[in-house]
Amino acid sequence: MSLRYALIALLTGRPMTGYDISKSFSRSVAHVWHAPDSQIYPELNRMERDGLLTSVEVPWGKKGTKKEYHVTDAGLADFQEWMGSPLTPQRQRDPAYLKAAYFDFADPESVREQLRQQQVYWEEQLSMLEGTRAALVDRTHPTLAARLSKLTEREAELAVRYKVYAYDGLIARARTELAWIADGFALVDELYGS
C-alpha cells in the first residue's frame, strides 16, 4: 500500500506521465521505497480507478498521446490521512543478515566475496544518498524544485528540512552497514587468518 502513497507524494510536485513518474521515482522516492515499473504502472491505473488520480491525454511524439496523471482532492486527502496515522514497524527481512548468521556453512573466500559485494553496494548507495542530500539542501533536486515552486517559504522550509532528515537517516544506515561489513571482514580474518 505504501507504493500508492509514494506515487501521490511524487505527484504533489507536478502532474506527470507514467514515463516521467518512473524516471522521477528512480531519482527520488525509490531511495526510500523501491518499486519497478511493473508495479508502478498497474498501481497508477488502480489509483485512477479509485479516484485518487485523474489523467488527461497529452501529445507524445508526432502522433501519439500519453496519460498525464494529476492528484485529486480525494487522493490528497487520503495521503494526508495516511501521513497522520501511526506507522507499524516492519520486521526485518534482509538476506544479507540471514546469510551472515550462517556463514559457517561457506568457505572464507566466499564470505569475503559476499562482504566485498555488499561493501561496493553500500559505498555506491552512500555516495548517491550524500549527493541527493546536497541537492535537497541547495534546493536543486528537480523533483523537490517542482514542488517548492508552489509553496510558501515556510512550507518550503518544512519540505526541505523533513526530506533532509529522511536522507540523514538513510545516510546513517549506509554508514552503519559499511561499519558492519568492516566488522565482518575483521571477523573472517580473526577466524581464518588474512
N, C-alpha and C. Protein backbone atom coordinates (compact mmCIF):
# COMPACT_ATOMS: atom_id res chain seq x y z
N MET A 1 0.81 -1.20 0.00
CA MET A 1 0.00 0.00 0.00
C MET A 1 0.86 1.26 0.00
N SER A 2 2.08 1.19 0.51
CA SER A 2 2.92 2.38 0.56
C SER A 2 3.31 2.89 -0.81
N LEU A 3 3.33 2.02 -1.82
CA LEU A 3 3.63 2.47 -3.17
C LEU A 3 2.63 3.54 -3.60
N ARG A 4 1.39 3.34 -3.27
CA ARG A 4 0.33 4.30 -3.58
C ARG A 4 0.69 5.68 -3.02
N TYR A 5 1.14 5.72 -1.79
CA TYR A 5 1.44 6.99 -1.16
C TYR A 5 2.75 7.58 -1.67
N ALA A 6 3.69 6.72 -2.02
CA ALA A 6 4.92 7.21 -2.64
C ALA A 6 4.61 7.90 -3.97
N LEU A 7 3.69 7.33 -4.74
CA LEU A 7 3.31 7.93 -6.02
C LEU A 7 2.57 9.25 -5.83
N ILE A 8 1.67 9.30 -4.86
CA ILE A 8 0.97 10.56 -4.58
C ILE A 8 1.98 11.62 -4.15
N ALA A 9 2.91 11.24 -3.27
CA ALA A 9 3.93 12.19 -2.80
C ALA A 9 4.69 12.76 -3.99
N LEU A 10 5.05 11.91 -4.92
CA LEU A 10 5.79 12.36 -6.10
C LEU A 10 4.94 13.31 -6.95
N LEU A 11 3.67 12.99 -7.10
CA LEU A 11 2.78 13.80 -7.94
C LEU A 11 2.34 15.10 -7.27
N THR A 12 2.64 15.28 -5.99
CA THR A 12 2.30 16.57 -5.37
C THR A 12 3.17 17.69 -5.94
N GLY A 13 4.30 17.32 -6.54
CA GLY A 13 5.18 18.32 -7.15
C GLY A 13 4.62 18.89 -8.43
N ARG A 14 4.15 18.00 -9.29
CA ARG A 14 3.59 18.41 -10.59
C ARG A 14 2.96 17.21 -11.25
N PRO A 15 2.00 17.44 -12.15
CA PRO A 15 1.44 16.33 -12.92
C PRO A 15 2.52 15.72 -13.80
N MET A 16 2.45 14.41 -14.02
CA MET A 16 3.45 13.72 -14.83
C MET A 16 2.83 12.56 -15.58
N THR A 17 3.49 12.18 -16.68
CA THR A 17 3.11 10.97 -17.39
C THR A 17 3.71 9.78 -16.64
N GLY A 18 3.26 8.58 -16.98
CA GLY A 18 3.82 7.39 -16.36
C GLY A 18 5.32 7.31 -16.56
N TYR A 19 5.77 7.66 -17.76
CA TYR A 19 7.21 7.65 -18.05
C TYR A 19 7.95 8.64 -17.15
N ASP A 20 7.41 9.86 -17.02
CA ASP A 20 8.04 10.87 -16.16
C ASP A 20 8.04 10.41 -14.70
N ILE A 21 6.95 9.78 -14.29
CA ILE A 21 6.86 9.28 -12.91
C ILE A 21 7.95 8.24 -12.67
N SER A 22 8.10 7.32 -13.62
CA SER A 22 9.11 6.28 -13.47
C SER A 22 10.51 6.88 -13.35
N LYS A 23 10.84 7.85 -14.19
CA LYS A 23 12.15 8.49 -14.13
C LYS A 23 12.34 9.23 -12.81
N SER A 24 11.34 10.02 -12.43
CA SER A 24 11.43 10.79 -11.18
C SER A 24 11.47 9.87 -9.97
N PHE A 25 10.70 8.79 -10.03
CA PHE A 25 10.65 7.83 -8.94
C PHE A 25 12.05 7.27 -8.68
N SER A 26 12.75 6.90 -9.75
CA SER A 26 14.07 6.30 -9.58
C SER A 26 15.09 7.29 -9.03
N ARG A 27 14.86 8.61 -9.23
CA ARG A 27 15.80 9.62 -8.74
C ARG A 27 15.46 10.14 -7.36
N SER A 28 14.30 9.78 -6.83
CA SER A 28 13.93 10.35 -5.54
C SER A 28 13.25 9.33 -4.63
N VAL A 29 11.99 9.06 -4.88
CA VAL A 29 11.21 8.21 -3.97
C VAL A 29 11.80 6.82 -3.84
N ALA A 30 12.42 6.31 -4.90
CA ALA A 30 12.98 4.96 -4.86
C ALA A 30 14.07 4.82 -3.79
N HIS A 31 14.64 5.93 -3.34
CA HIS A 31 15.64 5.84 -2.27
C HIS A 31 15.01 5.41 -0.96
N VAL A 32 13.70 5.65 -0.81
CA VAL A 32 13.02 5.24 0.42
C VAL A 32 11.98 4.16 0.19
N TRP A 33 11.57 3.97 -1.08
CA TRP A 33 10.59 2.92 -1.39
C TRP A 33 10.85 2.42 -2.80
N HIS A 34 11.43 1.23 -2.92
CA HIS A 34 11.76 0.68 -4.23
C HIS A 34 10.52 0.04 -4.87
N ALA A 35 10.33 0.32 -6.15
CA ALA A 35 9.27 -0.34 -6.92
C ALA A 35 9.66 -0.30 -8.39
N PRO A 36 9.57 -1.45 -9.07
CA PRO A 36 9.86 -1.47 -10.51
C PRO A 36 8.66 -0.96 -11.31
N ASP A 37 8.90 -0.65 -12.59
CA ASP A 37 7.81 -0.18 -13.47
C ASP A 37 6.64 -1.17 -13.49
N SER A 38 6.95 -2.45 -13.36
CA SER A 38 5.89 -3.47 -13.41
C SER A 38 4.92 -3.33 -12.24
N GLN A 39 5.30 -2.60 -11.19
CA GLN A 39 4.39 -2.31 -10.09
C GLN A 39 3.82 -0.90 -10.20
N ILE A 40 4.61 0.03 -10.72
CA ILE A 40 4.18 1.43 -10.79
C ILE A 40 2.99 1.61 -11.72
N TYR A 41 3.07 1.12 -12.94
CA TYR A 41 2.00 1.36 -13.92
C TYR A 41 0.66 0.75 -13.50
N PRO A 42 0.62 -0.50 -13.03
CA PRO A 42 -0.67 -1.03 -12.56
C PRO A 42 -1.23 -0.24 -11.37
N GLU A 43 -0.33 0.22 -10.48
CA GLU A 43 -0.81 0.99 -9.33
C GLU A 43 -1.39 2.33 -9.76
N LEU A 44 -0.80 2.97 -10.75
CA LEU A 44 -1.36 4.22 -11.28
C LEU A 44 -2.78 3.98 -11.81
N ASN A 45 -2.96 2.88 -12.51
CA ASN A 45 -4.30 2.55 -13.04
C ASN A 45 -5.29 2.30 -11.91
N ARG A 46 -4.87 1.57 -10.87
CA ARG A 46 -5.76 1.34 -9.72
C ARG A 46 -6.11 2.65 -9.02
N MET A 47 -5.11 3.50 -8.86
CA MET A 47 -5.33 4.77 -8.18
C MET A 47 -6.31 5.65 -8.97
N GLU A 48 -6.20 5.61 -10.28
CA GLU A 48 -7.14 6.38 -11.10
C GLU A 48 -8.54 5.79 -10.95
N ARG A 49 -8.64 4.47 -10.99
CA ARG A 49 -9.93 3.80 -10.82
C ARG A 49 -10.53 4.11 -9.45
N ASP A 50 -9.67 4.25 -8.42
CA ASP A 50 -10.14 4.52 -7.06
C ASP A 50 -10.42 6.01 -6.82
N GLY A 51 -10.18 6.85 -7.82
CA GLY A 51 -10.48 8.28 -7.70
C GLY A 51 -9.40 9.09 -7.02
N LEU A 52 -8.22 8.50 -6.82
CA LEU A 52 -7.13 9.23 -6.18
C LEU A 52 -6.34 10.07 -7.19
N LEU A 53 -6.41 9.66 -8.44
CA LEU A 53 -5.76 10.37 -9.54
C LEU A 53 -6.75 10.55 -10.68
N THR A 54 -6.50 11.56 -11.48
CA THR A 54 -7.19 11.69 -12.77
C THR A 54 -6.09 11.75 -13.81
N SER A 55 -6.48 11.55 -15.06
CA SER A 55 -5.48 11.65 -16.12
C SER A 55 -6.08 12.39 -17.31
N VAL A 56 -5.22 13.02 -18.04
CA VAL A 56 -5.60 13.66 -19.30
C VAL A 56 -4.62 13.18 -20.35
N GLU A 57 -5.09 13.10 -21.58
CA GLU A 57 -4.22 12.71 -22.69
C GLU A 57 -3.40 13.92 -23.11
N VAL A 58 -2.10 13.73 -23.22
CA VAL A 58 -1.21 14.80 -23.67
C VAL A 58 -0.45 14.29 -24.89
N PRO A 59 -0.07 15.21 -25.80
CA PRO A 59 0.65 14.79 -27.01
C PRO A 59 1.98 14.11 -26.66
N TRP A 60 2.31 13.09 -27.45
CA TRP A 60 3.56 12.38 -27.27
C TRP A 60 4.08 11.98 -28.65
N GLY A 61 5.22 12.47 -29.00
CA GLY A 61 5.76 12.17 -30.32
C GLY A 61 4.98 12.89 -31.39
N LYS A 62 5.04 12.39 -32.62
CA LYS A 62 4.38 13.06 -33.73
C LYS A 62 2.88 12.84 -33.74
N LYS A 63 2.45 11.63 -33.40
CA LYS A 63 1.01 11.35 -33.49
C LYS A 63 0.44 10.69 -32.24
N GLY A 64 1.27 10.41 -31.30
CA GLY A 64 0.81 9.67 -30.14
C GLY A 64 0.36 10.55 -28.99
N THR A 65 -0.18 9.89 -27.99
CA THR A 65 -0.56 10.57 -26.74
C THR A 65 -0.15 9.68 -25.57
N LYS A 66 -0.06 10.30 -24.41
CA LYS A 66 0.22 9.60 -23.16
C LYS A 66 -0.70 10.17 -22.10
N LYS A 67 -0.89 9.39 -21.05
CA LYS A 67 -1.67 9.87 -19.91
C LYS A 67 -0.78 10.72 -19.02
N GLU A 68 -1.30 11.88 -18.62
CA GLU A 68 -0.63 12.70 -17.62
C GLU A 68 -1.49 12.63 -16.36
N TYR A 69 -0.88 12.21 -15.25
CA TYR A 69 -1.61 11.99 -14.01
C TYR A 69 -1.58 13.22 -13.12
N HIS A 70 -2.73 13.47 -12.48
CA HIS A 70 -2.92 14.57 -11.53
C HIS A 70 -3.51 13.99 -10.25
N VAL A 71 -3.07 14.47 -9.10
CA VAL A 71 -3.64 14.06 -7.82
C VAL A 71 -4.98 14.76 -7.64
N THR A 72 -5.99 14.00 -7.26
CA THR A 72 -7.31 14.59 -6.99
C THR A 72 -7.36 15.07 -5.54
N ASP A 73 -8.41 15.82 -5.22
CA ASP A 73 -8.61 16.22 -3.82
C ASP A 73 -8.74 14.99 -2.93
N ALA A 74 -9.44 13.96 -3.43
CA ALA A 74 -9.60 12.72 -2.66
C ALA A 74 -8.25 12.04 -2.47
N GLY A 75 -7.39 12.08 -3.49
CA GLY A 75 -6.05 11.50 -3.37
C GLY A 75 -5.22 12.23 -2.34
N LEU A 76 -5.28 13.55 -2.36
CA LEU A 76 -4.53 14.34 -1.39
C LEU A 76 -5.06 14.11 0.03
N ALA A 77 -6.38 14.02 0.17
CA ALA A 77 -6.97 13.76 1.49
C ALA A 77 -6.56 12.38 2.00
N ASP A 78 -6.56 11.38 1.12
CA ASP A 78 -6.15 10.03 1.51
C ASP A 78 -4.68 10.03 1.93
N PHE A 79 -3.85 10.74 1.19
CA PHE A 79 -2.42 10.85 1.51
C PHE A 79 -2.23 11.51 2.87
N GLN A 80 -2.94 12.60 3.11
CA GLN A 80 -2.81 13.31 4.39
C GLN A 80 -3.29 12.44 5.55
N GLU A 81 -4.34 11.66 5.32
CA GLU A 81 -4.82 10.74 6.36
C GLU A 81 -3.77 9.68 6.67
N TRP A 82 -3.17 9.15 5.61
CA TRP A 82 -2.11 8.15 5.80
C TRP A 82 -0.92 8.77 6.54
N MET A 83 -0.54 9.98 6.18
CA MET A 83 0.58 10.65 6.83
C MET A 83 0.30 10.90 8.31
N GLY A 84 -0.94 11.11 8.67
CA GLY A 84 -1.30 11.38 10.06
C GLY A 84 -1.50 10.13 10.90
N SER A 85 -1.51 8.96 10.27
CA SER A 85 -1.76 7.72 11.02
C SER A 85 -0.44 7.12 11.50
N PRO A 86 -0.48 6.39 12.62
CA PRO A 86 0.76 5.80 13.14
C PRO A 86 1.30 4.73 12.19
N LEU A 87 2.61 4.59 12.19
CA LEU A 87 3.29 3.61 11.36
C LEU A 87 3.54 2.35 12.17
N THR A 88 3.20 1.21 11.60
CA THR A 88 3.50 -0.07 12.24
C THR A 88 4.89 -0.51 11.79
N PRO A 89 5.83 -0.63 12.72
CA PRO A 89 7.18 -1.05 12.33
C PRO A 89 7.14 -2.41 11.63
N GLN A 90 7.99 -2.55 10.63
CA GLN A 90 8.07 -3.79 9.86
C GLN A 90 9.21 -4.66 10.41
N ARG A 91 8.98 -5.95 10.43
CA ARG A 91 10.03 -6.86 10.87
C ARG A 91 11.11 -6.94 9.80
N GLN A 92 12.31 -7.23 10.24
CA GLN A 92 13.48 -7.32 9.37
C GLN A 92 13.35 -8.49 8.40
N ARG A 93 13.65 -8.22 7.12
CA ARG A 93 13.73 -9.29 6.11
C ARG A 93 14.90 -8.94 5.19
N ASP A 94 16.09 -9.21 5.63
CA ASP A 94 17.27 -8.86 4.86
C ASP A 94 18.12 -10.11 4.67
N PRO A 95 18.25 -10.57 3.42
CA PRO A 95 19.02 -11.79 3.18
C PRO A 95 20.49 -11.68 3.57
N ALA A 96 21.06 -10.47 3.55
CA ALA A 96 22.46 -10.31 3.95
C ALA A 96 22.66 -10.74 5.41
N TYR A 97 21.71 -10.40 6.26
CA TYR A 97 21.83 -10.77 7.67
C TYR A 97 21.53 -12.26 7.88
N LEU A 98 20.60 -12.79 7.12
CA LEU A 98 20.30 -14.22 7.20
C LEU A 98 21.54 -15.02 6.80
N LYS A 99 22.16 -14.63 5.69
CA LYS A 99 23.36 -15.34 5.24
C LYS A 99 24.49 -15.18 6.27
N ALA A 100 24.65 -13.98 6.81
CA ALA A 100 25.73 -13.75 7.78
C ALA A 100 25.59 -14.68 8.99
N ALA A 101 24.36 -14.94 9.40
CA ALA A 101 24.13 -15.81 10.55
C ALA A 101 24.57 -17.25 10.27
N TYR A 102 24.70 -17.60 8.99
CA TYR A 102 25.06 -18.97 8.61
C TYR A 102 26.32 -19.02 7.76
N PHE A 103 27.18 -18.01 7.87
CA PHE A 103 28.44 -18.01 7.12
C PHE A 103 29.31 -19.22 7.47
N ASP A 104 29.05 -19.87 8.58
CA ASP A 104 29.85 -21.05 8.93
C ASP A 104 29.66 -22.19 7.93
N PHE A 105 28.64 -22.11 7.07
CA PHE A 105 28.43 -23.11 6.03
C PHE A 105 29.19 -22.76 4.74
N ALA A 106 29.82 -21.59 4.68
CA ALA A 106 30.53 -21.14 3.48
C ALA A 106 32.02 -21.12 3.74
N ASP A 107 32.80 -21.22 2.67
CA ASP A 107 34.25 -21.12 2.85
C ASP A 107 34.62 -19.64 3.02
N PRO A 108 35.75 -19.37 3.66
CA PRO A 108 36.14 -17.98 3.98
C PRO A 108 36.22 -17.06 2.76
N GLU A 109 36.71 -17.58 1.63
CA GLU A 109 36.82 -16.70 0.45
C GLU A 109 35.45 -16.34 -0.09
N SER A 110 34.51 -17.25 0.00
CA SER A 110 33.13 -16.95 -0.41
C SER A 110 32.53 -15.87 0.50
N VAL A 111 32.80 -15.98 1.79
CA VAL A 111 32.31 -14.97 2.74
C VAL A 111 32.92 -13.61 2.40
N ARG A 112 34.23 -13.59 2.17
CA ARG A 112 34.89 -12.33 1.82
C ARG A 112 34.30 -11.72 0.54
N GLU A 113 34.04 -12.56 -0.45
CA GLU A 113 33.47 -12.05 -1.71
C GLU A 113 32.07 -11.48 -1.48
N GLN A 114 31.27 -12.15 -0.67
CA GLN A 114 29.93 -11.62 -0.37
C GLN A 114 30.03 -10.30 0.37
N LEU A 115 30.96 -10.20 1.28
CA LEU A 115 31.17 -8.95 2.01
C LEU A 115 31.64 -7.85 1.05
N ARG A 116 32.54 -8.20 0.11
CA ARG A 116 33.00 -7.21 -0.88
C ARG A 116 31.84 -6.69 -1.72
N GLN A 117 30.97 -7.59 -2.14
CA GLN A 117 29.81 -7.17 -2.95
C GLN A 117 28.91 -6.23 -2.16
N GLN A 118 28.65 -6.56 -0.91
CA GLN A 118 27.84 -5.70 -0.06
C GLN A 118 28.53 -4.35 0.17
N GLN A 119 29.84 -4.39 0.34
CA GLN A 119 30.60 -3.16 0.55
C GLN A 119 30.50 -2.23 -0.66
N VAL A 120 30.66 -2.76 -1.85
CA VAL A 120 30.54 -1.95 -3.08
C VAL A 120 29.15 -1.35 -3.17
N TYR A 121 28.12 -2.17 -2.91
CA TYR A 121 26.74 -1.67 -2.98
C TYR A 121 26.54 -0.51 -2.01
N TRP A 122 26.95 -0.69 -0.75
CA TRP A 122 26.69 0.35 0.25
C TRP A 122 27.56 1.59 0.04
N GLU A 123 28.76 1.43 -0.51
CA GLU A 123 29.57 2.60 -0.85
C GLU A 123 28.90 3.42 -1.95
N GLU A 124 28.35 2.72 -2.96
CA GLU A 124 27.63 3.42 -4.03
C GLU A 124 26.37 4.09 -3.49
N GLN A 125 25.65 3.40 -2.63
CA GLN A 125 24.44 3.97 -2.02
C GLN A 125 24.79 5.23 -1.23
N LEU A 126 25.83 5.15 -0.41
CA LEU A 126 26.24 6.28 0.42
C LEU A 126 26.57 7.48 -0.45
N SER A 127 27.32 7.27 -1.50
CA SER A 127 27.68 8.37 -2.40
C SER A 127 26.44 9.00 -3.03
N MET A 128 25.53 8.17 -3.52
CA MET A 128 24.30 8.66 -4.14
C MET A 128 23.44 9.41 -3.12
N LEU A 129 23.30 8.86 -1.93
CA LEU A 129 22.48 9.50 -0.90
C LEU A 129 23.06 10.84 -0.48
N GLU A 130 24.38 10.91 -0.32
CA GLU A 130 25.00 12.18 0.05
C GLU A 130 24.83 13.21 -1.06
N GLY A 131 24.92 12.79 -2.31
CA GLY A 131 24.70 13.71 -3.43
C GLY A 131 23.26 14.21 -3.47
N THR A 132 22.31 13.30 -3.24
CA THR A 132 20.90 13.70 -3.22
C THR A 132 20.64 14.65 -2.06
N ARG A 133 21.20 14.36 -0.90
CA ARG A 133 21.02 15.25 0.26
C ARG A 133 21.52 16.65 -0.07
N ALA A 134 22.69 16.75 -0.70
CA ALA A 134 23.24 18.06 -1.07
C ALA A 134 22.29 18.80 -2.01
N ALA A 135 21.70 18.08 -2.97
CA ALA A 135 20.76 18.70 -3.91
C ALA A 135 19.47 19.13 -3.21
N LEU A 136 19.09 18.44 -2.14
CA LEU A 136 17.93 18.86 -1.35
C LEU A 136 18.25 20.13 -0.57
N VAL A 137 19.41 20.14 0.06
CA VAL A 137 19.81 21.29 0.86
C VAL A 137 19.88 22.55 0.01
N ASP A 138 20.49 22.44 -1.18
CA ASP A 138 20.60 23.64 -2.02
C ASP A 138 19.39 23.83 -2.94
N ARG A 139 18.39 22.97 -2.76
CA ARG A 139 17.09 23.07 -3.45
C ARG A 139 17.19 22.95 -4.97
N THR A 140 18.18 22.20 -5.45
CA THR A 140 18.32 21.99 -6.89
C THR A 140 17.80 20.64 -7.35
N HIS A 141 17.38 19.78 -6.43
CA HIS A 141 16.84 18.48 -6.81
C HIS A 141 15.58 18.73 -7.65
N PRO A 142 15.50 18.17 -8.86
CA PRO A 142 14.40 18.52 -9.77
C PRO A 142 13.01 18.21 -9.23
N THR A 143 12.83 17.08 -8.58
CA THR A 143 11.52 16.74 -8.04
C THR A 143 11.12 17.71 -6.93
N LEU A 144 12.05 18.02 -6.06
CA LEU A 144 11.78 18.96 -4.98
C LEU A 144 11.55 20.36 -5.53
N ALA A 145 12.37 20.80 -6.47
CA ALA A 145 12.25 22.15 -7.03
C ALA A 145 10.86 22.37 -7.62
N ALA A 146 10.31 21.35 -8.30
CA ALA A 146 8.97 21.48 -8.88
C ALA A 146 7.93 21.70 -7.78
N ARG A 147 8.08 21.00 -6.69
CA ARG A 147 7.12 21.16 -5.58
C ARG A 147 7.30 22.50 -4.87
N LEU A 148 8.54 22.90 -4.66
CA LEU A 148 8.80 24.13 -3.91
C LEU A 148 8.24 25.36 -4.60
N SER A 149 8.16 25.33 -5.91
CA SER A 149 7.66 26.49 -6.64
C SER A 149 6.21 26.82 -6.30
N LYS A 150 5.50 25.86 -5.70
CA LYS A 150 4.09 26.07 -5.35
C LYS A 150 3.88 26.36 -3.86
N LEU A 151 4.97 26.41 -3.10
CA LEU A 151 4.84 26.53 -1.65
C LEU A 151 5.27 27.91 -1.15
N THR A 152 4.74 28.25 0.02
CA THR A 152 5.23 29.45 0.70
C THR A 152 6.64 29.16 1.22
N GLU A 153 7.35 30.18 1.65
CA GLU A 153 8.70 29.96 2.16
C GLU A 153 8.69 29.04 3.39
N ARG A 154 7.72 29.20 4.27
CA ARG A 154 7.62 28.33 5.46
C ARG A 154 7.34 26.89 5.05
N GLU A 155 6.40 26.67 4.13
CA GLU A 155 6.10 25.33 3.65
C GLU A 155 7.32 24.71 2.96
N ALA A 156 8.05 25.53 2.20
CA ALA A 156 9.25 25.06 1.51
C ALA A 156 10.31 24.64 2.54
N GLU A 157 10.47 25.44 3.58
CA GLU A 157 11.44 25.12 4.63
C GLU A 157 11.10 23.78 5.28
N LEU A 158 9.81 23.56 5.58
CA LEU A 158 9.39 22.29 6.17
C LEU A 158 9.67 21.14 5.23
N ALA A 159 9.33 21.30 3.96
CA ALA A 159 9.54 20.23 2.97
C ALA A 159 11.02 19.87 2.87
N VAL A 160 11.86 20.88 2.79
CA VAL A 160 13.30 20.63 2.66
C VAL A 160 13.85 19.98 3.92
N ARG A 161 13.52 20.51 5.07
CA ARG A 161 14.08 20.00 6.33
C ARG A 161 13.68 18.55 6.59
N TYR A 162 12.42 18.21 6.31
CA TYR A 162 11.99 16.83 6.54
C TYR A 162 12.63 15.88 5.53
N LYS A 163 12.79 16.30 4.30
CA LYS A 163 13.46 15.44 3.32
C LYS A 163 14.92 15.23 3.72
N VAL A 164 15.59 16.29 4.15
CA VAL A 164 16.98 16.15 4.60
C VAL A 164 17.05 15.21 5.80
N TYR A 165 16.09 15.32 6.70
CA TYR A 165 16.02 14.42 7.86
C TYR A 165 15.92 12.96 7.40
N ALA A 166 15.07 12.68 6.42
CA ALA A 166 14.93 11.32 5.90
C ALA A 166 16.26 10.83 5.31
N TYR A 167 16.90 11.69 4.54
CA TYR A 167 18.18 11.30 3.93
C TYR A 167 19.28 11.16 4.97
N ASP A 168 19.24 11.94 6.04
CA ASP A 168 20.21 11.76 7.12
C ASP A 168 20.08 10.36 7.71
N GLY A 169 18.84 9.88 7.84
CA GLY A 169 18.62 8.51 8.33
C GLY A 169 19.15 7.47 7.36
N LEU A 170 18.91 7.68 6.07
CA LEU A 170 19.40 6.74 5.06
C LEU A 170 20.92 6.73 5.01
N ILE A 171 21.53 7.90 5.15
CA ILE A 171 22.99 8.00 5.16
C ILE A 171 23.55 7.31 6.40
N ALA A 172 22.93 7.52 7.54
CA ALA A 172 23.37 6.85 8.77
C ALA A 172 23.27 5.34 8.61
N ARG A 173 22.21 4.87 7.99
CA ARG A 173 22.05 3.43 7.78
C ARG A 173 23.16 2.90 6.88
N ALA A 174 23.46 3.61 5.78
CA ALA A 174 24.53 3.17 4.88
C ALA A 174 25.86 3.10 5.61
N ARG A 175 26.14 4.10 6.43
CA ARG A 175 27.39 4.09 7.19
C ARG A 175 27.42 2.94 8.20
N THR A 176 26.30 2.66 8.82
CA THR A 176 26.21 1.54 9.76
C THR A 176 26.44 0.22 9.03
N GLU A 177 25.84 0.07 7.85
CA GLU A 177 26.05 -1.15 7.06
C GLU A 177 27.53 -1.32 6.71
N LEU A 178 28.19 -0.23 6.31
CA LEU A 178 29.61 -0.30 5.96
C LEU A 178 30.46 -0.66 7.18
N ALA A 179 30.11 -0.14 8.34
CA ALA A 179 30.83 -0.48 9.57
C ALA A 179 30.62 -1.96 9.91
N TRP A 180 29.40 -2.45 9.73
CA TRP A 180 29.08 -3.86 9.99
C TRP A 180 29.87 -4.76 9.04
N ILE A 181 29.97 -4.36 7.78
CA ILE A 181 30.73 -5.13 6.79
C ILE A 181 32.21 -5.14 7.17
N ALA A 182 32.75 -4.02 7.60
CA ALA A 182 34.15 -3.97 8.05
C ALA A 182 34.36 -4.93 9.22
N ASP A 183 33.38 -4.97 10.13
CA ASP A 183 33.46 -5.92 11.24
C ASP A 183 33.45 -7.36 10.72
N GLY A 184 32.69 -7.61 9.66
CA GLY A 184 32.65 -8.95 9.06
C GLY A 184 33.99 -9.36 8.50
N PHE A 185 34.65 -8.43 7.78
CA PHE A 185 36.00 -8.72 7.28
C PHE A 185 36.94 -9.03 8.44
N ALA A 186 36.86 -8.23 9.49
CA ALA A 186 37.73 -8.45 10.65
C ALA A 186 37.45 -9.81 11.30
N LEU A 187 36.18 -10.20 11.36
CA LEU A 187 35.82 -11.49 11.95
C LEU A 187 36.37 -12.65 11.12
N VAL A 188 36.24 -12.56 9.81
CA VAL A 188 36.77 -13.62 8.93
C VAL A 188 38.29 -13.72 9.10
N ASP A 189 38.96 -12.56 9.16
CA ASP A 189 40.41 -12.58 9.36
C ASP A 189 40.77 -13.21 10.72
N GLU A 190 40.00 -12.88 11.74
CA GLU A 190 40.26 -13.43 13.07
C GLU A 190 40.05 -14.94 13.08
N LEU A 191 38.98 -15.41 12.43
CA LEU A 191 38.64 -16.82 12.47
C LEU A 191 39.51 -17.69 11.57
N TYR A 192 39.93 -17.13 10.43
CA TYR A 192 40.65 -17.94 9.44
C TYR A 192 42.04 -17.40 9.10
N GLY A 193 42.36 -16.22 9.59
CA GLY A 193 43.63 -15.59 9.21
C GLY A 193 43.43 -14.82 7.91
N SER A 194 44.27 -13.82 7.69
CA SER A 194 44.07 -13.00 6.48
C SER A 194 44.76 -13.55 5.27
